[in-house]
C-alpha atoms as a PDB file:
ATOM      1  CA  UNK A   1       0.000   0.000   0.000  1.00  0.00           C
ATOM      2  CA  UNK A   2       1.172   3.506  -0.830  1.00  0.00           C
ATOM      3  CA  UNK A   3       0.823   6.546   1.409  1.00  0.00           C
ATOM      4  CA  UNK A   4      -1.972   8.933   0.409  1.00  0.00           C
ATOM      5  CA  UNK A   5       0.306  11.930   1.100  1.00  0.00           C
ATOM      6  CA  UNK A   6       3.796  13.226   0.423  1.00  0.00           C
ATOM      7  CA  UNK A   7       5.914  11.260  -1.975  1.00  0.00           C
ATOM      8  CA  UNK A   8       3.510   8.291  -1.726  1.00  0.00           C
ATOM      9  CA  UNK A   9       6.010   5.925  -0.188  1.00  0.00           C
ATOM     10  CA  UNK A  10       5.142   2.379   0.781  1.00  0.00           C
ATOM     11  CA  UNK A  11       3.424   2.201   4.164  1.00  0.00           C
ATOM     12  CA  UNK A  12       5.254   0.287   6.889  1.00  0.00           C
ATOM     13  CA  UNK A  13       3.420  -1.958   9.339  1.00  0.00           C
ATOM     14  CA  UNK A  14       3.568  -0.844  12.966  1.00  0.00           C
ATOM     15  CA  UNK A  15       1.742  -1.368  16.240  1.00  0.00           C
ATOM     16  CA  UNK A  16       0.085   1.962  16.962  1.00  0.00           C
ATOM     17  CA  UNK A  17      -1.230   0.876  20.354  1.00  0.00           C
ATOM     18  CA  UNK A  18      -1.216  -2.434  22.211  1.00  0.00           C
ATOM     19  CA  UNK A  19      -2.862  -4.736  19.672  1.00  0.00           C
ATOM     20  CA  UNK A  20      -3.675  -2.044  17.086  1.00  0.00           C
ATOM     21  CA  UNK A  21      -1.854  -2.838  13.863  1.00  0.00           C
ATOM     22  CA  UNK A  22      -1.581   0.153  11.531  1.00  0.00           C
ATOM     23  CA  UNK A  23       0.596   1.260   8.644  1.00  0.00           C
ATOM     24  CA  UNK A  24       2.876   4.287   8.948  1.00  0.00           C
ATOM     25  CA  UNK A  25       4.045   6.640   6.228  1.00  0.00           C
ATOM     26  CA  UNK A  26       7.813   7.050   6.647  1.00  0.00           C
ATOM     27  CA  UNK A  27       7.609  10.414   4.871  1.00  0.00           C
ATOM     28  CA  UNK A  28       4.802  12.173   6.782  1.00  0.00           C
ATOM     29  CA  UNK A  29       4.436  10.158   9.977  1.00  0.00           C
ATOM     30  CA  UNK A  30       0.754   9.564   9.169  1.00  0.00           C
ATOM     31  CA  UNK A  31      -1.068   6.306   9.895  1.00  0.00           C
ATOM     32  CA  UNK A  32      -3.435   4.114   7.908  1.00  0.00           C
ATOM     33  CA  UNK A  33      -5.692   2.047  10.178  1.00  0.00           C
ATOM     34  CA  UNK A  34      -7.618  -0.700   8.373  1.00  0.00           C
ATOM     35  CA  UNK A  35     -11.159  -0.913   9.743  1.00  0.00           C
ATOM     36  CA  UNK A  36     -10.870  -4.595  10.665  1.00  0.00           C
ATOM     37  CA  UNK A  37      -7.744  -3.845  12.725  1.00  0.00           C
ATOM     38  CA  UNK A  38      -9.494  -0.990  14.481  1.00  0.00           C
ATOM     39  CA  UNK A  39     -12.547  -3.089  15.442  1.00  0.00           C
ATOM     40  CA  UNK A  40     -10.377  -6.005  16.587  1.00  0.00           C
ATOM     41  CA  UNK A  41      -8.459  -3.604  18.832  1.00  0.00           C
ATOM     42  CA  UNK A  42     -11.707  -1.938  19.949  1.00  0.00           C
ATOM     43  CA  UNK A  43     -13.094  -5.315  21.086  1.00  0.00           C
ATOM     44  CA  UNK A  44      -9.915  -6.364  22.887  1.00  0.00           C
ATOM     45  CA  UNK A  45     -10.013  -6.747  26.649  1.00  0.00           C
ATOM     46  CA  UNK A  46      -7.765  -3.751  27.430  1.00  0.00           C
ATOM     47  CA  UNK A  47     -10.292  -1.295  25.987  1.00  0.00           C
ATOM     48  CA  UNK A  48     -11.965  -0.816  29.377  1.00  0.00           C
ATOM     49  CA  UNK A  49      -8.779   0.700  30.780  1.00  0.00           C
ATOM     50  CA  UNK A  50      -8.360   4.463  30.789  1.00  0.00           C
ATOM     51  CA  UNK A  51      -5.118   5.858  29.425  1.00  0.00           C
ATOM     52  CA  UNK A  52      -3.888   7.658  32.528  1.00  0.00           C
ATOM     53  CA  UNK A  53      -0.256   7.658  31.402  1.00  0.00           C
ATOM     54  CA  UNK A  54      -0.979   9.740  28.331  1.00  0.00           C
ATOM     55  CA  UNK A  55       0.594  13.182  28.475  1.00  0.00           C
ATOM     56  CA  UNK A  56      -1.485  16.175  27.426  1.00  0.00           C
ATOM     57  CA  UNK A  57      -1.064  17.476  23.891  1.00  0.00           C
ATOM     58  CA  UNK A  58       1.210  20.466  23.462  1.00  0.00           C
ATOM     59  CA  UNK A  59      -1.193  21.812  20.863  1.00  0.00           C
ATOM     60  CA  UNK A  60      -3.129  20.640  17.856  1.00  0.00           C
ATOM     61  CA  UNK A  61      -1.080  18.821  15.259  1.00  0.00           C
ATOM     62  CA  UNK A  62      -0.045  20.868  12.292  1.00  0.00           C
ATOM     63  CA  UNK A  63       0.214  18.899   9.093  1.00  0.00           C
ATOM     64  CA  UNK A  64       1.135  20.253   5.710  1.00  0.00           C
ATOM     65  CA  UNK A  65      -1.248  17.603   4.347  1.00  0.00           C
ATOM     66  CA  UNK A  66      -4.321  18.588   6.390  1.00  0.00           C
ATOM     67  CA  UNK A  67      -6.045  20.315   3.467  1.00  0.00           C
ATOM     68  CA  UNK A  68      -4.847  17.837   0.833  1.00  0.00           C
ATOM     69  CA  UNK A  69      -7.377  15.519  -0.799  1.00  0.00           C
ATOM     70  CA  UNK A  70      -6.287  11.997   0.033  1.00  0.00           C
ATOM     71  CA  UNK A  71      -6.833   8.769  -1.832  1.00  0.00           C
ATOM     72  CA  UNK A  72      -7.467   5.508  -0.005  1.00  0.00           C
ATOM     73  CA  UNK A  73      -4.335   3.311  -0.008  1.00  0.00           C
ATOM     74  CA  UNK A  74      -6.533   0.256  -0.671  1.00  0.00           C
ATOM     75  CA  UNK A  75      -9.094   1.390  -3.272  1.00  0.00           C
ATOM     76  CA  UNK A  76      -7.584   4.587  -4.696  1.00  0.00           C
ATOM     77  CA  UNK A  77     -10.875   6.435  -4.112  1.00  0.00           C
ATOM     78  CA  UNK A  78     -11.149   9.857  -2.477  1.00  0.00           C
ATOM     79  CA  UNK A  79     -11.525   9.680   1.284  1.00  0.00           C
ATOM     80  CA  UNK A  80     -14.132  11.688   3.195  1.00  0.00           C
ATOM     81  CA  UNK A  81     -12.925  14.250   5.740  1.00  0.00           C
ATOM     82  CA  UNK A  82     -14.450  14.531   9.221  1.00  0.00           C
ATOM     83  CA  UNK A  83     -13.882  17.296  11.753  1.00  0.00           C
ATOM     84  CA  UNK A  84     -12.806  15.974  15.134  1.00  0.00           C
ATOM     85  CA  UNK A  85     -13.859  18.971  17.241  1.00  0.00           C
ATOM     86  CA  UNK A  86     -14.225  18.718  21.016  1.00  0.00           C
ATOM     87  CA  UNK A  87     -11.081  20.765  21.491  1.00  0.00           C
ATOM     88  CA  UNK A  88      -9.193  19.320  18.510  1.00  0.00           C
ATOM     89  CA  UNK A  89      -9.052  21.493  15.410  1.00  0.00           C
ATOM     90  CA  UNK A  90      -8.187  19.016  12.674  1.00  0.00           C
ATOM     91  CA  UNK A  91      -9.886  16.577  10.334  1.00  0.00           C
ATOM     92  CA  UNK A  92      -9.398  12.881   9.854  1.00  0.00           C
ATOM     93  CA  UNK A  93      -9.996  10.985   6.640  1.00  0.00           C
ATOM     94  CA  UNK A  94     -12.081   7.859   6.162  1.00  0.00           C
ATOM     95  CA  UNK A  95     -12.210   5.526   3.196  1.00  0.00           C
ATOM     96  CA  UNK A  96     -15.262   3.816   1.744  1.00  0.00           C
ATOM     97  CA  UNK A  97     -13.667   0.649   3.158  1.00  0.00           C
ATOM     98  CA  UNK A  98     -13.998   2.125   6.665  1.00  0.00           C
ATOM     99  CA  UNK A  99     -10.234   2.505   6.955  1.00  0.00           C
ATOM    100  CA  UNK A 100      -8.933   5.639   8.666  1.00  0.00           C
ATOM    101  CA  UNK A 101      -6.069   7.944   7.718  1.00  0.00           C
ATOM    102  CA  UNK A 102      -4.500  10.096  10.431  1.00  0.00           C
ATOM    103  CA  UNK A 103      -1.916  12.731   9.527  1.00  0.00           C
ATOM    104  CA  UNK A 104       1.264  12.868  11.594  1.00  0.00           C
ATOM    105  CA  UNK A 105       0.583  13.891  15.198  1.00  0.00           C
ATOM    106  CA  UNK A 106      -3.162  13.278  15.072  1.00  0.00           C
ATOM    107  CA  UNK A 107      -3.081   9.896  16.846  1.00  0.00           C
ATOM    108  CA  UNK A 108      -1.070  11.433  19.667  1.00  0.00           C
ATOM    109  CA  UNK A 109      -3.526  14.353  19.928  1.00  0.00           C
ATOM    110  CA  UNK A 110      -6.454  11.918  20.048  1.00  0.00           C
ATOM    111  CA  UNK A 111      -4.706   9.953  22.798  1.00  0.00           C
ATOM    112  CA  UNK A 112      -3.953  13.092  24.788  1.00  0.00           C
ATOM    113  CA  UNK A 113      -7.632  14.060  24.579  1.00  0.00           C
ATOM    114  CA  UNK A 114      -8.666  10.484  25.499  1.00  0.00           C
ATOM    115  CA  UNK A 115     -10.583  10.271  22.216  1.00  0.00           C
ATOM    116  CA  UNK A 116      -8.611   7.508  20.494  1.00  0.00           C
ATOM    117  CA  UNK A 117     -10.989   4.921  22.004  1.00  0.00           C
ATOM    118  CA  UNK A 118     -13.928   6.783  20.433  1.00  0.00           C
ATOM    119  CA  UNK A 119     -12.443   7.282  16.985  1.00  0.00           C
ATOM    120  CA  UNK A 120     -15.362   5.473  15.321  1.00  0.00           C
ATOM    121  CA  UNK A 121     -17.803   7.985  16.813  1.00  0.00           C
ATOM    122  CA  UNK A 122     -16.212  10.889  14.917  1.00  0.00           C
ATOM    123  CA  UNK A 123     -17.857   9.558  11.744  1.00  0.00           C
ATOM    124  CA  UNK A 124     -21.392   9.604  13.151  1.00  0.00           C
ATOM    125  CA  UNK A 125     -24.053  12.243  12.497  1.00  0.00           C
ATOM    126  CA  UNK A 126     -24.498  13.098  16.208  1.00  0.00           C
ATOM    127  CA  UNK A 127     -20.763  13.701  16.635  1.00  0.00           C
ATOM    128  CA  UNK A 128     -20.582  15.895  13.546  1.00  0.00           C
ATOM    129  CA  UNK A 129     -23.680  17.812  14.723  1.00  0.00           C
ATOM    130  CA  UNK A 130     -21.961  18.450  18.072  1.00  0.00           C
ATOM    131  CA  UNK A 131     -18.922  19.775  16.202  1.00  0.00           C
ATOM    132  CA  UNK A 132     -21.127  22.142  14.184  1.00  0.00           C
ATOM    133  CA  UNK A 133     -22.897  23.271  17.361  1.00  0.00           C
ATOM    134  CA  UNK A 134     -19.534  23.986  19.019  1.00  0.00           C
ATOM    135  CA  UNK A 135     -18.427  26.030  16.013  1.00  0.00           C
ATOM    136  CA  UNK A 136     -21.676  28.023  15.940  1.00  0.00           C
ATOM    137  CA  UNK A 137     -21.451  28.732  19.679  1.00  0.00           C
ATOM    138  CA  UNK A 138     -17.846  29.924  19.276  1.00  0.00           C
ATOM    139  CA  UNK A 139     -18.833  32.195  16.379  1.00  0.00           C
ATOM    140  CA  UNK A 140     -21.748  33.608  18.370  1.00  0.00           C
ATOM    141  CA  UNK A 141     -19.516  34.245  21.395  1.00  0.00           C
ATOM    142  CA  UNK A 142     -16.944  35.978  19.178  1.00  0.00           C
ATOM    143  CA  UNK A 143     -19.632  38.188  17.664  1.00  0.00           C
ATOM    144  CA  UNK A 144     -21.005  39.098  21.105  1.00  0.00           C
ATOM    145  CA  UNK A 145     -17.527  39.762  22.476  1.00  0.00           C
ATOM    146  CA  UNK A 146     -16.895  42.152  19.599  1.00  0.00           C
ATOM    147  CA  UNK A 147     -20.210  43.986  20.135  1.00  0.00           C
ATOM    148  CA  UNK A 148     -20.146  44.088  23.938  1.00  0.00           C
ATOM    149  CA  UNK A 149     -16.445  44.366  24.639  1.00  0.00           C
ATOM    150  CA  UNK A 150     -14.322  41.965  26.678  1.00  0.00           C
ATOM    151  CA  UNK A 151     -15.302  43.219  30.145  1.00  0.00           C
ATOM    152  CA  UNK A 152     -19.083  43.102  29.681  1.00  0.00           C
ATOM    153  CA  UNK A 153     -18.880  39.820  27.791  1.00  0.00           C
ATOM    154  CA  UNK A 154     -16.901  38.224  30.658  1.00  0.00           C
ATOM    155  CA  UNK A 155     -19.369  39.567  33.224  1.00  0.00           C
ATOM    156  CA  UNK A 156     -22.353  38.243  31.312  1.00  0.00           C
ATOM    157  CA  UNK A 157     -20.640  34.888  30.797  1.00  0.00           C
ATOM    158  CA  UNK A 158     -20.110  34.633  34.562  1.00  0.00           C
ATOM    159  CA  UNK A 159     -23.783  35.430  35.218  1.00  0.00           C
ATOM    160  CA  UNK A 160     -24.851  32.881  32.588  1.00  0.00           C
ATOM    161  CA  UNK A 161     -22.685  30.212  34.223  1.00  0.00           C
ATOM    162  CA  UNK A 162     -24.170  31.004  37.638  1.00  0.00           C
ATOM    163  CA  UNK A 163     -27.717  30.749  36.303  1.00  0.00           C
ATOM    164  CA  UNK A 164     -27.388  27.468  34.398  1.00  0.00           C
ATOM    165  CA  UNK A 165     -28.748  25.310  37.240  1.00  0.00           C
ATOM    166  CA  UNK A 166     -30.023  28.012  39.554  1.00  0.00           C
ATOM    167  CA  UNK A 167     -33.552  27.363  40.884  1.00  0.00           C
ATOM    168  CA  UNK A 168     -34.555  31.014  40.345  1.00  0.00           C
ATOM    169  CA  UNK A 169     -33.160  31.249  36.838  1.00  0.00           C
ATOM    170  CA  UNK A 170     -36.434  32.443  35.271  1.00  0.00           C
ATOM    171  CA  UNK A 171     -36.752  35.269  37.811  1.00  0.00           C
ATOM    172  CA  UNK A 172     -33.160  36.361  37.251  1.00  0.00           C
ATOM    173  CA  UNK A 173     -33.606  36.435  33.477  1.00  0.00           C
ATOM    174  CA  UNK A 174     -36.873  38.382  33.894  1.00  0.00           C
ATOM    175  CA  UNK A 175     -35.041  40.881  36.095  1.00  0.00           C
ATOM    176  CA  UNK A 176     -32.332  41.340  33.448  1.00  0.00           C
ATOM    177  CA  UNK A 177     -34.958  41.816  30.758  1.00  0.00           C
ATOM    178  CA  UNK A 178     -36.857  44.437  32.759  1.00  0.00           C
ATOM    179  CA  UNK A 179     -36.037  47.646  30.965  1.00  0.00           C
ATOM    180  CA  UNK A 180     -37.919  50.155  33.095  1.00  0.00           C
ATOM    181  CA  UNK A 181     -36.167  53.499  33.294  1.00  0.00           C
ATOM    182  CA  UNK A 182     -37.084  54.111  36.961  1.00  0.00           C
ATOM    183  CA  UNK A 183     -33.686  53.018  38.188  1.00  0.00           C
END
């Protein structure tokens, strides 16, 4: 199999995690994970363990191939890109075979975020909807911050956080909405 990126070198077999056989690109450091290998690893007995020894990511991986259209090493067809979200600002590629391509550094970022065990969920509609919702919320917050200024935005964010589970939330919101000029 040839790498979908870089100089398209032959992929080298490696053990990505205990029992997870993948294929590494010697040029880019990316990994091809055949779907059958992923599910075998997913079903293995160690999957119930939490990865407590994983160090936090130093930042999102930066790959020169992140925006490159990639072809499946098995079928030669274009792979579909999925946003990871949930604090990780990169996309992973999936083949029609179910195989997964991760650019260099992405596996480590998934491990650091304890999301490598949930990799299959990234491809689901609910996950992708959550990613879109996160992006919309961030855009809305940025727009409000620009309109209100940093200080007022922070103050309102603090009030919002205090009111999330407050038993008198409705009364507090009504008070804030009261626009009488008698004060």
